[in-house]
Protein backbone atom coordinates (compact mmCIF):
# COMPACT_ATOMS: atom_id res chain seq x y z
CA MET A 1 14.86 -18.89 -6.30
CA LYS A 2 16.71 -16.66 -3.85
CA LYS A 3 15.91 -16.68 -0.16
CA THR A 4 13.33 -13.99 0.53
CA ALA A 5 12.24 -12.44 3.82
CA PHE A 6 8.75 -10.92 3.91
CA LEU A 7 8.01 -8.55 6.80
CA GLY A 8 4.40 -7.54 7.45
CA LEU A 9 1.42 -9.87 7.09
CA GLY A 10 -1.43 -7.40 7.35
CA ARG A 11 -4.41 -6.93 5.04
CA MET A 12 -2.19 -6.67 1.97
CA GLY A 13 0.97 -8.37 3.15
CA LEU A 14 -0.62 -11.74 3.88
CA PRO A 15 -2.07 -12.34 0.38
CA MET A 16 1.10 -10.97 -1.20
CA ALA A 17 3.27 -13.34 0.82
CA ARG A 18 0.96 -16.23 -0.05
CA ARG A 19 1.23 -15.32 -3.71
CA LEU A 20 5.04 -15.37 -3.57
CA ALA A 21 5.07 -18.67 -1.69
CA ASP A 22 2.67 -20.22 -4.19
CA THR A 23 4.90 -19.15 -7.10
CA GLY A 24 7.93 -20.90 -5.64
CA HIS A 25 9.76 -18.23 -3.66
CA PRO A 26 11.34 -19.70 -0.49
CA LEU A 27 10.00 -17.36 2.20
CA THR A 28 10.82 -16.54 5.78
CA VAL A 29 8.09 -14.27 7.15
CA TRP A 30 7.60 -12.08 10.20
CA ASN A 31 4.62 -10.18 11.55
CA ARG A 32 4.28 -8.00 14.63
CA SER A 33 1.42 -10.18 15.87
CA PRO A 34 2.63 -13.80 15.66
CA GLY A 35 0.56 -16.56 14.12
CA ARG A 36 -0.48 -14.77 10.94
CA ALA A 37 1.57 -17.22 8.87
CA ALA A 38 -0.52 -20.18 9.99
CA GLY A 39 -2.36 -20.29 6.66
CA LEU A 40 0.78 -20.10 4.52
CA THR A 41 2.23 -23.27 3.03
CA GLY A 42 5.95 -23.87 2.79
CA VAL A 43 7.12 -20.80 4.69
CA THR A 44 9.16 -20.30 7.83
CA GLU A 45 7.87 -17.89 10.46
CA ALA A 46 10.56 -15.93 12.31
CA ALA A 47 10.17 -14.58 15.81
CA THR A 48 11.89 -11.26 15.06
CA PRO A 49 12.66 -9.12 12.00
CA ALA A 50 16.38 -9.73 12.57
CA GLU A 51 15.86 -13.48 12.46
CA ALA A 52 13.78 -13.18 9.30
CA VAL A 53 16.34 -11.18 7.30
CA ARG A 54 19.42 -13.10 8.43
CA GLY A 55 20.93 -14.67 5.31
CA ALA A 56 18.20 -13.34 3.00
CA ASP A 57 19.04 -12.25 -0.53
CA VAL A 58 15.84 -10.20 -0.80
CA VAL A 59 13.83 -8.48 1.92
CA VAL A 60 10.26 -7.33 1.19
CA THR A 61 8.45 -4.99 3.57
CA MET A 62 4.71 -4.31 3.48
CA LEU A 63 4.01 -2.20 6.58
CA SER A 64 1.42 0.38 7.53
CA ASP A 65 3.26 3.71 7.68
CA PRO A 66 6.66 5.45 7.83
CA ALA A 67 7.01 4.93 11.59
CA ALA A 68 6.45 1.17 11.26
CA VAL A 69 9.01 0.87 8.45
CA ALA A 70 11.60 2.88 10.40
CA GLU A 71 11.03 0.83 13.55
CA VAL A 72 11.32 -2.53 11.78
CA ALA A 73 14.39 -1.41 9.82
CA GLY A 74 16.02 -0.34 13.06
CA ARG A 75 15.48 -3.83 14.45
CA CYS A 76 17.02 -5.74 11.56
CA ALA A 77 19.22 -3.59 9.30
CA ALA A 78 22.41 -4.69 11.06
CA GLU A 79 21.65 -8.31 10.09
CA LEU A 80 21.48 -7.64 6.36
CA ALA A 81 24.15 -9.29 4.29
CA PRO A 82 26.24 -7.22 1.86
CA GLY A 83 24.59 -7.43 -1.54
CA ALA A 84 21.09 -7.91 -0.15
CA LEU A 85 18.18 -6.13 -1.81
CA TRP A 86 15.45 -4.45 0.24
CA ILE A 87 12.14 -3.95 -1.60
CA ASP A 88 9.83 -1.67 0.34
CA MET A 89 6.24 -2.02 -0.89
CA SER A 90 4.70 0.06 1.88
CA SER A 91 3.11 3.45 1.15
CA ILE A 92 5.45 5.77 3.02
CA GLY A 93 6.28 8.55 0.54
CA PRO A 94 9.64 9.65 -0.87
CA ARG A 95 10.99 11.34 2.28
CA ALA A 96 10.62 8.25 4.45
CA THR A 97 12.00 6.17 1.58
CA ALA A 98 15.12 8.36 1.49
CA ASP A 99 15.46 7.96 5.27
CA LEU A 100 15.20 4.19 4.92
CA ARG A 101 17.86 4.15 2.23
CA ALA A 102 20.20 6.28 4.33
CA GLY A 103 19.90 3.88 7.25
CA LEU A 104 20.77 0.71 5.35
CA PRO A 105 24.29 -0.72 5.61
CA ASP A 106 26.77 -0.16 2.80
CA GLY A 107 26.28 -2.66 0.01
CA VAL A 108 22.53 -3.10 0.62
CA ALA A 109 20.33 -1.79 -2.20
CA LEU A 110 16.79 -0.44 -1.95
CA VAL A 111 13.90 -0.46 -4.41
CA ASP A 112 10.74 1.46 -3.51
CA ALA A 113 7.76 -0.40 -4.94
CA PRO A 114 4.42 0.62 -3.41
CA VAL A 115 1.33 -0.89 -4.96
CA LEU A 116 -2.09 0.17 -6.17
CA GLY A 117 -4.90 -2.32 -5.64
CA SER A 118 -6.69 -4.13 -2.87
CA THR A 119 -6.65 -7.57 -1.26
CA GLY A 120 -8.23 -9.37 -4.22
CA PRO A 121 -5.57 -8.33 -6.75
CA ALA A 122 -2.90 -8.90 -4.09
CA ALA A 123 -3.90 -12.56 -3.96
CA THR A 124 -3.97 -13.06 -7.73
CA GLY A 125 -0.95 -11.04 -8.84
CA GLY A 126 -3.11 -8.24 -10.22
CA LEU A 127 -1.63 -5.24 -8.41
CA THR A 128 -0.03 -2.24 -10.08
CA VAL A 129 3.51 -1.85 -8.77
CA PHE A 130 5.20 1.57 -8.90
CA ALA A 131 8.92 0.74 -8.83
CA GLY A 132 11.73 3.21 -8.30
CA GLY A 133 15.46 2.58 -8.03
CA GLU A 134 18.68 2.11 -9.90
CA ASP A 135 18.30 0.11 -13.10
CA ALA A 136 20.42 -2.80 -11.85
CA ASP A 137 18.42 -2.98 -8.63
CA LEU A 138 15.12 -2.86 -10.50
CA ASP A 139 16.33 -5.76 -12.64
CA ARG A 140 17.08 -7.76 -9.49
CA ALA A 141 13.68 -6.92 -8.03
CA GLN A 142 11.74 -7.79 -11.19
CA PRO A 143 11.36 -11.56 -10.54
CA VAL A 144 9.64 -10.81 -7.23
CA LEU A 145 7.61 -7.81 -8.32
CA GLU A 146 6.25 -9.39 -11.50
CA GLN A 147 4.65 -12.16 -9.44
CA LEU A 148 2.61 -9.53 -7.59
CA GLY A 149 1.38 -7.43 -10.48
CA ARG A 150 2.11 -5.21 -13.44
CA VAL A 151 5.39 -3.43 -12.80
CA ARG A 152 5.69 0.20 -13.85
CA ARG A 153 9.26 1.45 -13.64
CA CYS A 154 8.99 5.07 -12.56
CA GLY A 155 12.61 6.20 -12.56
CA GLY A 156 15.36 6.53 -10.00
CA PRO A 157 15.29 6.02 -6.23
CA GLY A 158 12.16 7.40 -4.57
CA SER A 159 10.21 7.79 -7.81
CA GLY A 160 7.88 4.86 -7.14
CA ALA A 161 7.08 6.17 -3.68
CA ALA A 162 6.43 9.63 -5.11
CA LEU A 163 4.08 8.45 -7.87
CA LYS A 164 2.10 6.33 -5.41
CA VAL A 165 1.51 9.40 -3.21
CA VAL A 166 0.30 11.38 -6.24
CA VAL A 167 -2.06 8.68 -7.49
CA ILE A 168 -3.54 7.67 -4.13
CA GLY A 169 -3.94 11.32 -3.13
CA ALA A 170 -6.07 11.90 -6.20
CA ILE A 171 -8.15 8.77 -5.64
CA VAL A 172 -8.83 9.42 -1.95
CA ALA A 173 -9.69 13.09 -2.46
CA CYS A 174 -12.01 12.31 -5.39
CA VAL A 175 -13.86 9.54 -3.57
CA THR A 176 -14.33 11.86 -0.59
CA ALA A 177 -15.63 14.61 -2.86
CA LEU A 178 -18.01 12.16 -4.48
CA GLY A 179 -19.41 11.35 -1.05
CA GLU A 180 -20.06 15.05 -0.51
CA VAL A 181 -21.87 15.53 -3.82
CA LEU A 182 -24.07 12.49 -3.14
CA ALA A 183 -25.05 14.08 0.16
CA VAL A 184 -25.89 17.26 -1.76
CA ALA A 185 -27.96 15.19 -4.20
CA GLU A 186 -30.01 13.85 -1.32
CA GLU A 187 -30.60 17.35 0.03
CA LEU A 188 -31.77 18.51 -3.41
CA GLY A 189 -34.12 15.58 -3.88
CA VAL A 190 -32.06 13.86 -6.59
CA PRO A 191 -32.54 10.07 -6.21
CA GLN A 192 -29.32 8.35 -5.22
CA GLU A 193 -29.70 5.72 -7.91
CA GLN A 194 -30.06 8.39 -10.56
CA ALA A 195 -27.08 10.37 -9.30
CA ARG A 196 -24.89 7.26 -9.16
CA GLU A 197 -25.94 6.17 -12.65
CA VAL A 198 -25.10 9.53 -14.25
CA LEU A 199 -21.82 9.89 -12.34
CA SER A 200 -20.81 6.38 -13.39
CA ALA A 201 -21.43 7.17 -17.06
CA GLY A 202 -19.53 10.45 -17.20
CA PRO A 203 -15.98 11.74 -16.81
CA LEU A 204 -15.88 10.52 -13.19
CA ALA A 205 -16.60 6.90 -14.16
CA GLY A 206 -13.33 5.57 -12.77
CA VAL A 207 -13.75 7.34 -9.44
CA ALA A 208 -17.37 6.26 -9.26
CA ALA A 209 -16.42 2.62 -9.87
CA ARG A 210 -13.99 2.80 -6.95
CA ALA A 211 -16.44 4.63 -4.70
CA PHE A 212 -19.39 2.34 -5.42
CA GLY A 213 -17.41 -0.90 -5.48
CA THR A 214 -17.77 -3.47 -2.72
CA GLU A 215 -14.64 -5.59 -3.11
CA SER A 216 -11.89 -3.21 -1.94
CA ASP A 217 -10.42 -3.19 1.54
CA PHE A 218 -8.51 0.08 2.03
CA PRO A 219 -9.16 1.37 5.55
CA VAL A 220 -10.12 5.01 5.97
CA ARG A 221 -7.32 5.50 8.52
CA LEU A 222 -4.73 4.49 5.91
CA ALA A 223 -6.37 6.73 3.32
CA ALA A 224 -6.00 9.65 5.74
CA LYS A 225 -2.36 8.66 6.30
CA ASP A 226 -1.70 8.72 2.56
CA LEU A 227 -3.22 12.18 2.26
CA ALA A 228 -0.90 13.35 5.02
CA LEU A 229 2.05 11.98 3.02
CA ALA A 230 0.84 13.88 -0.04
CA GLY A 231 0.78 17.20 1.80
CA GLY A 232 -0.60 19.48 -0.88
CA GLY A 233 -2.94 22.41 -0.51
CA PRO A 234 -6.43 23.07 0.85
CA VAL A 235 -8.28 20.43 -1.18
CA LEU A 236 -6.22 17.46 0.02
CA ALA A 237 -6.14 18.89 3.54
CA ALA A 238 -9.92 19.24 3.55
CA ALA A 239 -10.40 15.67 2.34
CA ARG A 240 -8.16 14.41 5.15
CA GLU A 241 -10.12 16.41 7.72
CA VAL A 242 -13.33 14.82 6.48
CA LEU A 243 -11.90 11.33 6.88
CA LEU A 244 -10.54 12.03 10.35
CA ALA A 245 -13.89 13.50 11.40
CA HIS A 246 -15.48 10.04 11.17
CA PRO A 247 -13.48 7.74 13.48
CA GLU A 248 -16.36 5.25 13.44
CA ILE A 249 -15.37 4.19 9.90
CA ALA A 250 -11.59 4.20 10.45
CA GLU A 251 -11.25 0.45 9.83
CA GLN A 252 -13.78 0.30 7.01
CA ASP A 253 -13.02 0.64 3.31
CA LEU A 254 -12.71 4.16 1.91
CA SER A 255 -16.11 3.79 0.24
CA ALA A 256 -17.69 4.00 3.71
CA VAL A 257 -17.11 7.75 3.62
CA LEU A 258 -20.08 8.03 1.22
CA GLY A 259 -22.50 6.80 3.85
CA ALA A 260 -20.83 8.75 6.64
CA LEU A 261 -21.21 12.03 4.75
CA ARG A 262 -24.85 11.36 3.92
CA ARG A 263 -25.60 10.61 7.56
CA GLY A 264 -23.76 13.71 8.70
CA ARG A 265 -25.65 16.23 6.56
């Protein structure tokens, strides 16, 4: 196994790093708040991003937003060895991915590989990985990515980041809209159980399963961030405004928007 640096041990990063460590990858990890690696076996915790990536063959980043990725890259890019491979699994969109690529030293390759799934699949290797990059770089990234989930090769550089924005934009907007229609159901006297049952059995079954599920951990603030990355027209913009209008649920899973909209009617 090649030496791997893993930067970012948040909600998703910690179980992903644990998964890689458990499958035999020698890891050096770093997190902005130290001590997060205490529960990881057989890993080395670095004090800085530069220390973590020094001598690494592969660098994996799982950070919250474009600003965090740019800041961390600025702190460690100069320490990357020629021939190193950077795999960014954060959800930052294609523009920020292009900026990251442009800032890497010559001879350092980048694969964009954001994921779909929550903390449970992250721990078990059940994520969906949207991978973009040059074919040779994707081949090099495959041994790492396949330990984390099902790898879908999307195309050239930036294509994984782009597809993730499309997919998560649809999911977030649809869950938000479902919250609105459930609030309408309450106003019209339609029992919530009845409305949920019919929605779950129809064309919106997949969205309903996500909205009514209790095992996901995708904070509303990150959902709003992903909608901002998507841009789009009035529908996505309106969904983002709804999420931002309820700061009390910012750290709760996206499904909390259903209750917030019912309370706000």
